Structures are given as structure tokens and as C-alpha cells.
Amino acid sequence: IGGTMARINMEEIVDELDENFARVLKAVVDEVAPENTADPRQIMRIFRMRLERGFERWEHVTDRCVDVGY
């Protein structure tokens, strides 16, 4: 990976995009298991738990992943 690095706060990103993440995750579950009756809030809660276990609070990404001048 070349270029300079930026830090992103994974938890804050999920908080900012909560509605979008919940909608997209539910759509994925519905596509994979059309007969599921999973509650979107439960899916999001589990996603958050897995995120906390799978990532550091701050993750490094290349600057090309972040547009601070927008």
C-alpha cells in the first residue's frame, strides 16, 4: 500500500451510517436467506458486536479512501 495513511474510527463510521448499514445488511440477509424473519435491529446489533471484535477502534487506511476536502 503506497501513499500516506489516515486513521478512521470504525465505531464512529458505523454510527454515522447506521441507517444505511442497517438497510444494506438486511437486504443482504434477505437475498441470502429469503425466508428469514430476522429483525433489522438484531442484525445491526450483531454486526456492531462483530465489528468491535474484528477491528481496532482506529484503523489505518490510505488517504485515497478519505476525502477530507469535501
PDB file of N, CA and C in Angstrom:
ATOM      1  N   ILE A   1       0.866  -1.184   0.000  1.00  0.00           N
ATOM      2  CA  ILE A   1       0.000   0.000   0.000  1.00  0.00           C
ATOM      3  C   ILE A   1       0.898   1.228   0.000  1.00  0.00           C
ATOM      4  N   GLY A   2       0.723   2.082  -0.980  1.00  0.00           N
ATOM      5  CA  GLY A   2       1.532   3.284  -1.065  1.00  0.00           C
ATOM      6  C   GLY A   2       0.771   4.499  -0.585  1.00  0.00           C
ATOM      7  N   GLY A   3       1.475   5.589  -0.467  1.00  0.00           N
ATOM      8  CA  GLY A   3       0.846   6.844  -0.078  1.00  0.00           C
ATOM      9  C   GLY A   3       0.778   7.022   1.421  1.00  0.00           C
ATOM     10  N   THR A   4       0.271   8.168   1.806  1.00  0.00           N
ATOM     11  CA  THR A   4       0.154   8.447   3.232  1.00  0.00           C
ATOM     12  C   THR A   4      -1.066   7.743   3.792  1.00  0.00           C
ATOM     13  N   MET A   5      -1.081   7.628   5.099  1.00  0.00           N
ATOM     14  CA  MET A   5      -2.156   6.892   5.758  1.00  0.00           C
ATOM     15  C   MET A   5      -3.031   7.843   6.574  1.00  0.00           C
ATOM     16  N   ALA A   6      -4.284   7.501   6.659  1.00  0.00           N
ATOM     17  CA  ALA A   6      -5.232   8.214   7.509  1.00  0.00           C
ATOM     18  C   ALA A   6      -5.771   7.219   8.527  1.00  0.00           C
ATOM     19  N   ARG A   7      -6.271   7.742   9.641  1.00  0.00           N
ATOM     20  CA  ARG A   7      -6.908   6.880  10.634  1.00  0.00           C
ATOM     21  C   ARG A   7      -8.411   7.112  10.573  1.00  0.00           C
ATOM     22  N   ILE A   8      -9.162   6.032  10.664  1.00  0.00           N
ATOM     23  CA  ILE A   8     -10.618   6.155  10.736  1.00  0.00           C
ATOM     24  C   ILE A   8     -11.099   5.435  11.986  1.00  0.00           C
ATOM     25  N   ASN A   9     -12.116   5.990  12.596  1.00  0.00           N
ATOM     26  CA  ASN A   9     -12.716   5.403  13.784  1.00  0.00           C
ATOM     27  C   ASN A   9     -13.892   4.553  13.316  1.00  0.00           C
ATOM     28  N   MET A  10     -13.720   3.242  13.353  1.00  0.00           N
ATOM     29  CA  MET A  10     -14.724   2.328  12.816  1.00  0.00           C
ATOM     30  C   MET A  10     -16.083   2.496  13.485  1.00  0.00           C
ATOM     31  N   GLU A  11     -16.091   2.624  14.802  1.00  0.00           N
ATOM     32  CA  GLU A  11     -17.352   2.758  15.534  1.00  0.00           C
ATOM     33  C   GLU A  11     -18.095   4.027  15.122  1.00  0.00           C
ATOM     34  N   GLU A  12     -17.357   5.117  14.978  1.00  0.00           N
ATOM     35  CA  GLU A  12     -17.978   6.383  14.580  1.00  0.00           C
ATOM     36  C   GLU A  12     -18.519   6.323  13.155  1.00  0.00           C
ATOM     37  N   ILE A  13     -17.813   5.629  12.282  1.00  0.00           N
ATOM     38  CA  ILE A  13     -18.296   5.493  10.904  1.00  0.00           C
ATOM     39  C   ILE A  13     -19.611   4.728  10.881  1.00  0.00           C
ATOM     40  N   VAL A  14     -19.681   3.652  11.634  1.00  0.00           N
ATOM     41  CA  VAL A  14     -20.925   2.878  11.688  1.00  0.00           C
ATOM     42  C   VAL A  14     -22.047   3.725  12.285  1.00  0.00           C
ATOM     43  N   ASP A  15     -21.741   4.505  13.323  1.00  0.00           N
ATOM     44  CA  ASP A  15     -22.754   5.389  13.909  1.00  0.00           C
ATOM     45  C   ASP A  15     -23.265   6.393  12.878  1.00  0.00           C
ATOM     46  N   GLU A  16     -22.347   6.975  12.117  1.00  0.00           N
ATOM     47  CA  GLU A  16     -22.724   7.969  11.105  1.00  0.00           C
ATOM     48  C   GLU A  16     -23.601   7.365  10.011  1.00  0.00           C
ATOM     49  N   LEU A  17     -23.316   6.121   9.654  1.00  0.00           N
ATOM     50  CA  LEU A  17     -24.004   5.470   8.536  1.00  0.00           C
ATOM     51  C   LEU A  17     -24.999   4.411   9.005  1.00  0.00           C
ATOM     52  N   ASP A  18     -25.435   4.517  10.244  1.00  0.00           N
ATOM     53  CA  ASP A  18     -26.260   3.488  10.880  1.00  0.00           C
ATOM     54  C   ASP A  18     -27.460   3.068  10.035  1.00  0.00           C
ATOM     55  N   GLU A  19     -28.265   4.022   9.587  1.00  0.00           N
ATOM     56  CA  GLU A  19     -29.461   3.679   8.808  1.00  0.00           C
ATOM     57  C   GLU A  19     -29.095   2.960   7.517  1.00  0.00           C
ATOM     58  N   ASN A  20     -28.078   3.453   6.834  1.00  0.00           N
ATOM     59  CA  ASN A  20     -27.659   2.828   5.575  1.00  0.00           C
ATOM     60  C   ASN A  20     -27.123   1.425   5.805  1.00  0.00           C
ATOM     61  N   PHE A  21     -26.270   1.259   6.830  1.00  0.00           N
ATOM     62  CA  PHE A  21     -25.737  -0.067   7.135  1.00  0.00           C
ATOM     63  C   PHE A  21     -26.872  -1.033   7.468  1.00  0.00           C
ATOM     64  N   ALA A  22     -27.810  -0.609   8.296  1.00  0.00           N
ATOM     65  CA  ALA A  22     -28.911  -1.487   8.701  1.00  0.00           C
ATOM     66  C   ALA A  22     -29.725  -1.931   7.483  1.00  0.00           C
ATOM     67  N   ARG A  23     -30.026  -0.999   6.601  1.00  0.00           N
ATOM     68  CA  ARG A  23     -30.815  -1.309   5.404  1.00  0.00           C
ATOM     69  C   ARG A  23     -30.059  -2.270   4.483  1.00  0.00           C
ATOM     70  N   VAL A  24     -28.778  -1.998   4.265  1.00  0.00           N
ATOM     71  CA  VAL A  24     -27.973  -2.836   3.371  1.00  0.00           C
ATOM     72  C   VAL A  24     -27.770  -4.229   3.959  1.00  0.00           C
ATOM     73  N   LEU A  25     -27.465  -4.307   5.251  1.00  0.00           N
ATOM     74  CA  LEU A  25     -27.269  -5.620   5.875  1.00  0.00           C
ATOM     75  C   LEU A  25     -28.546  -6.454   5.819  1.00  0.00           C
ATOM     76  N   LYS A  26     -29.690  -5.840   6.057  1.00  0.00           N
ATOM     77  CA  LYS A  26     -30.962  -6.563   5.979  1.00  0.00           C
ATOM     78  C   LYS A  26     -31.197  -7.055   4.550  1.00  0.00           C
ATOM     79  N   ALA A  27     -30.879  -6.231   3.558  1.00  0.00           N
ATOM     80  CA  ALA A  27     -31.040  -6.639   2.160  1.00  0.00           C
ATOM     81  C   ALA A  27     -30.139  -7.823   1.830  1.00  0.00           C
ATOM     82  N   VAL A  28     -28.926  -7.832   2.363  1.00  0.00           N
ATOM     83  CA  VAL A  28     -28.005  -8.953   2.139  1.00  0.00           C
ATOM     84  C   VAL A  28     -28.571 -10.225   2.748  1.00  0.00           C
ATOM     85  N   VAL A  29     -29.035 -10.137   3.987  1.00  0.00           N
ATOM     86  CA  VAL A  29     -29.609 -11.311   4.658  1.00  0.00           C
ATOM     87  C   VAL A  29     -30.831 -11.805   3.886  1.00  0.00           C
ATOM     88  N   ASP A  30     -31.687 -10.886   3.441  1.00  0.00           N
ATOM     89  CA  ASP A  30     -32.875 -11.274   2.676  1.00  0.00           C
ATOM     90  C   ASP A  30     -32.499 -11.970   1.368  1.00  0.00           C
ATOM     91  N   GLU A  31     -31.433 -11.504   0.733  1.00  0.00           N
ATOM     92  CA  GLU A  31     -31.014 -12.112  -0.532  1.00  0.00           C
ATOM     93  C   GLU A  31     -30.429 -13.504  -0.318  1.00  0.00           C
ATOM     94  N   VAL A  32     -29.656 -13.661   0.739  1.00  0.00           N
ATOM     95  CA  VAL A  32     -29.017 -14.949   1.021  1.00  0.00           C
ATOM     96  C   VAL A  32     -30.023 -15.949   1.584  1.00  0.00           C
ATOM     97  N   ALA A  33     -30.927 -15.460   2.416  1.00  0.00           N
ATOM     98  CA  ALA A  33     -31.915 -16.328   3.064  1.00  0.00           C
ATOM     99  C   ALA A  33     -33.294 -15.669   2.950  1.00  0.00           C
ATOM    100  N   PRO A  34     -33.937 -15.806   1.786  1.00  0.00           N
ATOM    101  CA  PRO A  34     -35.196 -15.099   1.528  1.00  0.00           C
ATOM    102  C   PRO A  34     -36.308 -15.366   2.548  1.00  0.00           C
ATOM    103  N   GLU A  35     -36.300 -16.505   3.176  1.00  0.00           N
ATOM    104  CA  GLU A  35     -37.365 -16.846   4.127  1.00  0.00           C
ATOM    105  C   GLU A  35     -37.058 -16.387   5.553  1.00  0.00           C
ATOM    106  N   ASN A  36     -35.976 -15.650   5.751  1.00  0.00           N
ATOM    107  CA  ASN A  36     -35.583 -15.252   7.105  1.00  0.00           C
ATOM    108  C   ASN A  36     -36.598 -14.286   7.706  1.00  0.00           C
ATOM    109  N   THR A  37     -36.644 -14.271   9.011  1.00  0.00           N
ATOM    110  CA  THR A  37     -37.518 -13.336   9.731  1.00  0.00           C
ATOM    111  C   THR A  37     -36.691 -12.473  10.680  1.00  0.00           C
ATOM    112  N   ALA A  38     -35.418 -12.320  10.358  1.00  0.00           N
ATOM    113  CA  ALA A  38     -34.514 -11.562  11.228  1.00  0.00           C
ATOM    114  C   ALA A  38     -34.936 -10.101  11.313  1.00  0.00           C
ATOM    115  N   ASP A  39     -34.850  -9.578  12.515  1.00  0.00           N
ATOM    116  CA  ASP A  39     -35.152  -8.178  12.778  1.00  0.00           C
ATOM    117  C   ASP A  39     -33.938  -7.338  12.366  1.00  0.00           C
ATOM    118  N   PRO A  40     -34.139  -6.291  11.567  1.00  0.00           N
ATOM    119  CA  PRO A  40     -33.009  -5.453  11.152  1.00  0.00           C
ATOM    120  C   PRO A  40     -32.203  -4.895  12.333  1.00  0.00           C
ATOM    121  N   ARG A  41     -32.867  -4.613  13.444  1.00  0.00           N
ATOM    122  CA  ARG A  41     -32.141  -4.106  14.628  1.00  0.00           C
ATOM    123  C   ARG A  41     -31.232  -5.178  15.201  1.00  0.00           C
ATOM    124  N   GLN A  42     -31.695  -6.428  15.186  1.00  0.00           N
ATOM    125  CA  GLN A  42     -30.867  -7.527  15.677  1.00  0.00           C
ATOM    126  C   GLN A  42     -29.664  -7.745  14.754  1.00  0.00           C
ATOM    127  N   ILE A  43     -29.887  -7.663  13.466  1.00  0.00           N
ATOM    128  CA  ILE A  43     -28.787  -7.797  12.510  1.00  0.00           C
ATOM    129  C   ILE A  43     -27.744  -6.716  12.776  1.00  0.00           C
ATOM    130  N   MET A  44     -28.200  -5.487  12.966  1.00  0.00           N
ATOM    131  CA  MET A  44     -27.275  -4.379  13.207  1.00  0.00           C
ATOM    132  C   MET A  44     -26.543  -4.553  14.532  1.00  0.00           C
ATOM    133  N   ARG A  45     -27.230  -5.012  15.548  1.00  0.00           N
ATOM    134  CA  ARG A  45     -26.606  -5.230  16.863  1.00  0.00           C
ATOM    135  C   ARG A  45     -25.491  -6.276  16.759  1.00  0.00           C
ATOM    136  N   ILE A  46     -25.769  -7.363  16.050  1.00  0.00           N
ATOM    137  CA  ILE A  46     -24.758  -8.407  15.866  1.00  0.00           C
ATOM    138  C   ILE A  46     -23.602  -7.880  15.016  1.00  0.00           C
ATOM    139  N   PHE A  47     -23.915  -7.121  13.984  1.00  0.00           N
ATOM    140  CA  PHE A  47     -22.873  -6.518  13.154  1.00  0.00           C
ATOM    141  C   PHE A  47     -21.944  -5.654  14.000  1.00  0.00           C
ATOM    142  N   ARG A  48     -22.514  -4.835  14.870  1.00  0.00           N
ATOM    143  CA  ARG A  48     -21.703  -3.973  15.740  1.00  0.00           C
ATOM    144  C   ARG A  48     -20.813  -4.802  16.669  1.00  0.00           C
ATOM    145  N   MET A  49     -21.362  -5.872  17.242  1.00  0.00           N
ATOM    146  CA  MET A  49     -20.563  -6.723  18.133  1.00  0.00           C
ATOM    147  C   MET A  49     -19.391  -7.335  17.369  1.00  0.00           C
ATOM    148  N   ARG A  50     -19.655  -7.834  16.173  1.00  0.00           N
ATOM    149  CA  ARG A  50     -18.593  -8.442  15.362  1.00  0.00           C
ATOM    150  C   ARG A  50     -17.560  -7.399  14.943  1.00  0.00           C
ATOM    151  N   LEU A  51     -18.035  -6.211  14.638  1.00  0.00           N
ATOM    152  CA  LEU A  51     -17.136  -5.125  14.261  1.00  0.00           C
ATOM    153  C   LEU A  51     -16.185  -4.793  15.406  1.00  0.00           C
ATOM    154  N   GLU A  52     -16.723  -4.713  16.613  1.00  0.00           N
ATOM    155  CA  GLU A  52     -15.896  -4.405  17.781  1.00  0.00           C
ATOM    156  C   GLU A  52     -14.842  -5.478  18.013  1.00  0.00           C
ATOM    157  N   ARG A  53     -15.189  -6.731  17.750  1.00  0.00           N
ATOM    158  CA  ARG A  53     -14.237  -7.833  17.934  1.00  0.00           C
ATOM    159  C   ARG A  53     -13.231  -7.930  16.794  1.00  0.00           C
ATOM    160  N   GLY A  54     -13.639  -7.534  15.601  1.00  0.00           N
ATOM    161  CA  GLY A  54     -12.821  -7.757  14.420  1.00  0.00           C
ATOM    162  C   GLY A  54     -11.914  -6.613  14.014  1.00  0.00           C
ATOM    163  N   PHE A  55     -12.149  -5.428  14.576  1.00  0.00           N
ATOM    164  CA  PHE A  55     -11.368  -4.262  14.196  1.00  0.00           C
ATOM    165  C   PHE A  55     -10.865  -3.550  15.436  1.00  0.00           C
ATOM    166  N   GLU A  56      -9.768  -2.851  15.257  1.00  0.00           N
ATOM    167  CA  GLU A  56      -9.310  -1.928  16.290  1.00  0.00           C
ATOM    168  C   GLU A  56     -10.239  -0.720  16.256  1.00  0.00           C
ATOM    169  N   ARG A  57     -10.271   0.038  17.337  1.00  0.00           N
ATOM    170  CA  ARG A  57     -11.099   1.251  17.344  1.00  0.00           C
ATOM    171  C   ARG A  57     -10.679   2.171  16.200  1.00  0.00           C
ATOM    172  N   TRP A  58      -9.379   2.358  16.060  1.00  0.00           N
ATOM    173  CA  TRP A  58      -8.834   3.164  14.968  1.00  0.00           C
ATOM    174  C   TRP A  58      -8.154   2.235  13.972  1.00  0.00           C
ATOM    175  N   GLU A  59      -8.558   2.319  12.726  1.00  0.00           N
ATOM    176  CA  GLU A  59      -7.939   1.544  11.658  1.00  0.00           C
ATOM    177  C   GLU A  59      -7.241   2.505  10.697  1.00  0.00           C
ATOM    178  N   HIS A  60      -6.148   2.058  10.125  1.00  0.00           N
ATOM    179  CA  HIS A  60      -5.420   2.867   9.155  1.00  0.00           C
ATOM    180  C   HIS A  60      -5.860   2.505   7.740  1.00  0.00           C
ATOM    181  N   VAL A  61      -6.099   3.527   6.948  1.00  0.00           N
ATOM    182  CA  VAL A  61      -6.441   3.355   5.536  1.00  0.00           C
ATOM    183  C   VAL A  61      -5.606   4.352   4.738  1.00  0.00           C
ATOM    184  N   THR A  62      -5.430   4.082   3.453  1.00  0.00           N
ATOM    185  CA  THR A  62      -4.696   5.051   2.639  1.00  0.00           C
ATOM    186  C   THR A  62      -5.538   6.307   2.482  1.00  0.00           C
ATOM    187  N   ASP A  63      -4.863   7.421   2.279  1.00  0.00           N
ATOM    188  CA  ASP A  63      -5.557   8.703   2.124  1.00  0.00           C
ATOM    189  C   ASP A  63      -6.566   8.690   0.980  1.00  0.00           C
ATOM    190  N   ARG A  64      -6.346   7.830  -0.011  1.00  0.00           N
ATOM    191  CA  ARG A  64      -7.285   7.812  -1.139  1.00  0.00           C
ATOM    192  C   ARG A  64      -8.668   7.304  -0.726  1.00  0.00           C
ATOM    193  N   CYS A  65      -8.787   6.730   0.475  1.00  0.00           N
ATOM    194  CA  CYS A  65     -10.078   6.260   0.985  1.00  0.00           C
ATOM    195  C   CYS A  65     -10.848   7.354   1.717  1.00  0.00           C
ATOM    196  N   VAL A  66     -10.200   8.496   1.940  1.00  0.00           N
ATOM    197  CA  VAL A  66     -10.806   9.563   2.743  1.00  0.00           C
ATOM    198  C   VAL A  66     -10.713  10.870   1.968  1.00  0.00           C
ATOM    199  N   ASP A  67     -11.827  11.574   1.843  1.00  0.00           N
ATOM    200  CA  ASP A  67     -11.844  12.883   1.180  1.00  0.00           C
ATOM    201  C   ASP A  67     -12.169  13.931   2.228  1.00  0.00           C
ATOM    202  N   VAL A  68     -11.138  14.517   2.812  1.00  0.00           N
ATOM    203  CA  VAL A  68     -11.356  15.500   3.878  1.00  0.00           C
ATOM    204  C   VAL A  68     -11.700  16.873   3.324  1.00  0.00           C
ATOM    205  N   GLY A  69     -11.498  17.091   2.049  1.00  0.00           N
ATOM    206  CA  GLY A  69     -11.768  18.399   1.457  1.00  0.00           C
ATOM    207  C   GLY A  69     -13.177  18.558   0.925  1.00  0.00           C
ATOM    208  N   TYR A  70     -13.999  17.543   1.099  1.00  0.00           N
ATOM    209  CA  TYR A  70     -15.350  17.557   0.520  1.00  0.00           C
ATOM    210  C   TYR A  70     -16.220  18.584   1.162  1.00  0.00           C
TER     211      TYR A  70
END
